[in-house]
Amino acid sequence: MKKYSVSAIGTCASTAEEQFTPYLDEFCKVLSELVHIQNTPEISSLKAEAITSLGKVANVFAKGESGPS
């Protein structure tokens, strides 16, 4: 169930784009905590989904970036 929740919020973030900005810091903090917890068979798919969701968020919020100057 947690895996699907993370996936759904990641999809919302990628769909809402800039409208997700007020929630971005907290969502990334939670995802970071999920990625850094000790790996177990039960947790591995949740961690994978957290990484996927971080990628979705990064893709949305990096669109306007022109890269390093």
C-alpha atoms as a PDB file:
ATOM      1  CA  MET A   1       0.000   0.000   0.000  1.00  0.00           C
ATOM      2  CA  LYS A   2       2.840   2.435   0.833  1.00  0.00           C
ATOM      3  CA  LYS A   3       4.444   1.750  -2.536  1.00  0.00           C
ATOM      4  CA  TYR A   4       1.243   2.737  -4.341  1.00  0.00           C
ATOM      5  CA  SER A   5       0.910   5.869  -2.225  1.00  0.00           C
ATOM      6  CA  VAL A   6       4.422   6.981  -3.118  1.00  0.00           C
ATOM      7  CA  SER A   7       3.740   6.229  -6.769  1.00  0.00           C
ATOM      8  CA  ALA A   8       0.461   8.168  -6.760  1.00  0.00           C
ATOM      9  CA  ILE A   9       2.030  11.241  -5.161  1.00  0.00           C
ATOM     10  CA  GLY A  10       4.946  11.090  -7.603  1.00  0.00           C
ATOM     11  CA  THR A  11       2.488  10.986 -10.493  1.00  0.00           C
ATOM     12  CA  CYS A  12       0.571  13.919  -9.010  1.00  0.00           C
ATOM     13  CA  ALA A  13       3.820  15.858  -8.735  1.00  0.00           C
ATOM     14  CA  SER A  14       4.731  15.233 -12.351  1.00  0.00           C
ATOM     15  CA  THR A  15       1.232  16.135 -13.517  1.00  0.00           C
ATOM     16  CA  ALA A  16       0.767  19.222 -11.344  1.00  0.00           C
ATOM     17  CA  GLU A  17       4.267  20.516 -12.136  1.00  0.00           C
ATOM     18  CA  GLU A  18       4.807  23.963 -10.576  1.00  0.00           C
ATOM     19  CA  GLN A  19       1.545  23.685  -8.637  1.00  0.00           C
ATOM     20  CA  PHE A  20       3.255  20.962  -6.580  1.00  0.00           C
ATOM     21  CA  THR A  21       5.938  23.397  -5.412  1.00  0.00           C
ATOM     22  CA  PRO A  22       4.401  24.006  -1.937  1.00  0.00           C
ATOM     23  CA  TYR A  23       4.700  20.262  -1.222  1.00  0.00           C
ATOM     24  CA  LEU A  24       8.046  19.640  -2.884  1.00  0.00           C
ATOM     25  CA  ASP A  25      10.384  19.995   0.116  1.00  0.00           C
ATOM     26  CA  GLU A  26       8.332  17.755   2.389  1.00  0.00           C
ATOM     27  CA  PHE A  27       7.772  15.115  -0.295  1.00  0.00           C
ATOM     28  CA  CYS A  28      11.472  14.989  -1.172  1.00  0.00           C
ATOM     29  CA  LYS A  29      12.353  14.751   2.518  1.00  0.00           C
ATOM     30  CA  VAL A  30      10.053  11.739   2.957  1.00  0.00           C
ATOM     31  CA  LEU A  31      11.402  10.084  -0.189  1.00  0.00           C
ATOM     32  CA  SER A  32      14.965  10.649   0.979  1.00  0.00           C
ATOM     33  CA  GLU A  33      14.164   9.023   4.315  1.00  0.00           C
ATOM     34  CA  LEU A  34      12.659   6.026   2.513  1.00  0.00           C
ATOM     35  CA  VAL A  35      15.743   5.626   0.337  1.00  0.00           C
ATOM     36  CA  HIS A  36      18.065   5.656   3.344  1.00  0.00           C
ATOM     37  CA  ILE A  37      16.285   3.118   5.572  1.00  0.00           C
ATOM     38  CA  GLN A  38      17.808  -0.321   5.963  1.00  0.00           C
ATOM     39  CA  ASN A  39      17.015  -2.578   3.036  1.00  0.00           C
ATOM     40  CA  THR A  40      14.790  -5.596   3.623  1.00  0.00           C
ATOM     41  CA  PRO A  41      12.824  -7.710   1.144  1.00  0.00           C
ATOM     42  CA  GLU A  42       9.630  -5.927   2.196  1.00  0.00           C
ATOM     43  CA  ILE A  43      11.192  -2.480   1.813  1.00  0.00           C
ATOM     44  CA  SER A  44      13.087  -2.913  -1.462  1.00  0.00           C
ATOM     45  CA  SER A  45      10.100  -2.270  -3.756  1.00  0.00           C
ATOM     46  CA  LEU A  46       9.112   0.772  -1.674  1.00  0.00           C
ATOM     47  CA  LYS A  47      12.650   2.140  -1.984  1.00  0.00           C
ATOM     48  CA  ALA A  48      12.595   1.529  -5.734  1.00  0.00           C
ATOM     49  CA  GLU A  49       9.339   3.450  -6.037  1.00  0.00           C
ATOM     50  CA  ALA A  50      10.757   6.287  -3.936  1.00  0.00           C
ATOM     51  CA  ILE A  51      13.724   6.554  -6.315  1.00  0.00           C
ATOM     52  CA  THR A  52      11.390   6.498  -9.330  1.00  0.00           C
ATOM     53  CA  SER A  53       9.275   9.256  -7.781  1.00  0.00           C
ATOM     54  CA  LEU A  54      12.373  11.348  -7.056  1.00  0.00           C
ATOM     55  CA  GLY A  55      13.245  11.010 -10.726  1.00  0.00           C
ATOM     56  CA  LYS A  56       9.774  12.178 -11.770  1.00  0.00           C
ATOM     57  CA  VAL A  57      10.014  15.196  -9.495  1.00  0.00           C
ATOM     58  CA  ALA A  58      13.539  16.014 -10.654  1.00  0.00           C
ATOM     59  CA  ASN A  59      12.449  15.808 -14.278  1.00  0.00           C
ATOM     60  CA  VAL A  60       9.574  18.238 -13.732  1.00  0.00           C
ATOM     61  CA  PHE A  61      11.512  20.786 -11.739  1.00  0.00           C
ATOM     62  CA  ALA A  62      14.661  20.627 -13.875  1.00  0.00           C
ATOM     63  CA  LYS A  63      12.806  21.452 -17.124  1.00  0.00           C
ATOM     64  CA  GLY A  64      13.469  25.168 -16.790  1.00  0.00           C
ATOM     65  CA  GLU A  65      17.110  24.725 -15.813  1.00  0.00           C
ATOM     66  CA  SER A  66      19.681  25.568 -18.459  1.00  0.00           C
ATOM     67  CA  GLY A  67      22.459  23.694 -16.710  1.00  0.00           C
ATOM     68  CA  PRO A  68      25.644  24.933 -15.067  1.00  0.00           C
ATOM     69  CA  SER A  69      26.948  28.341 -16.127  1.00  0.00           C
END
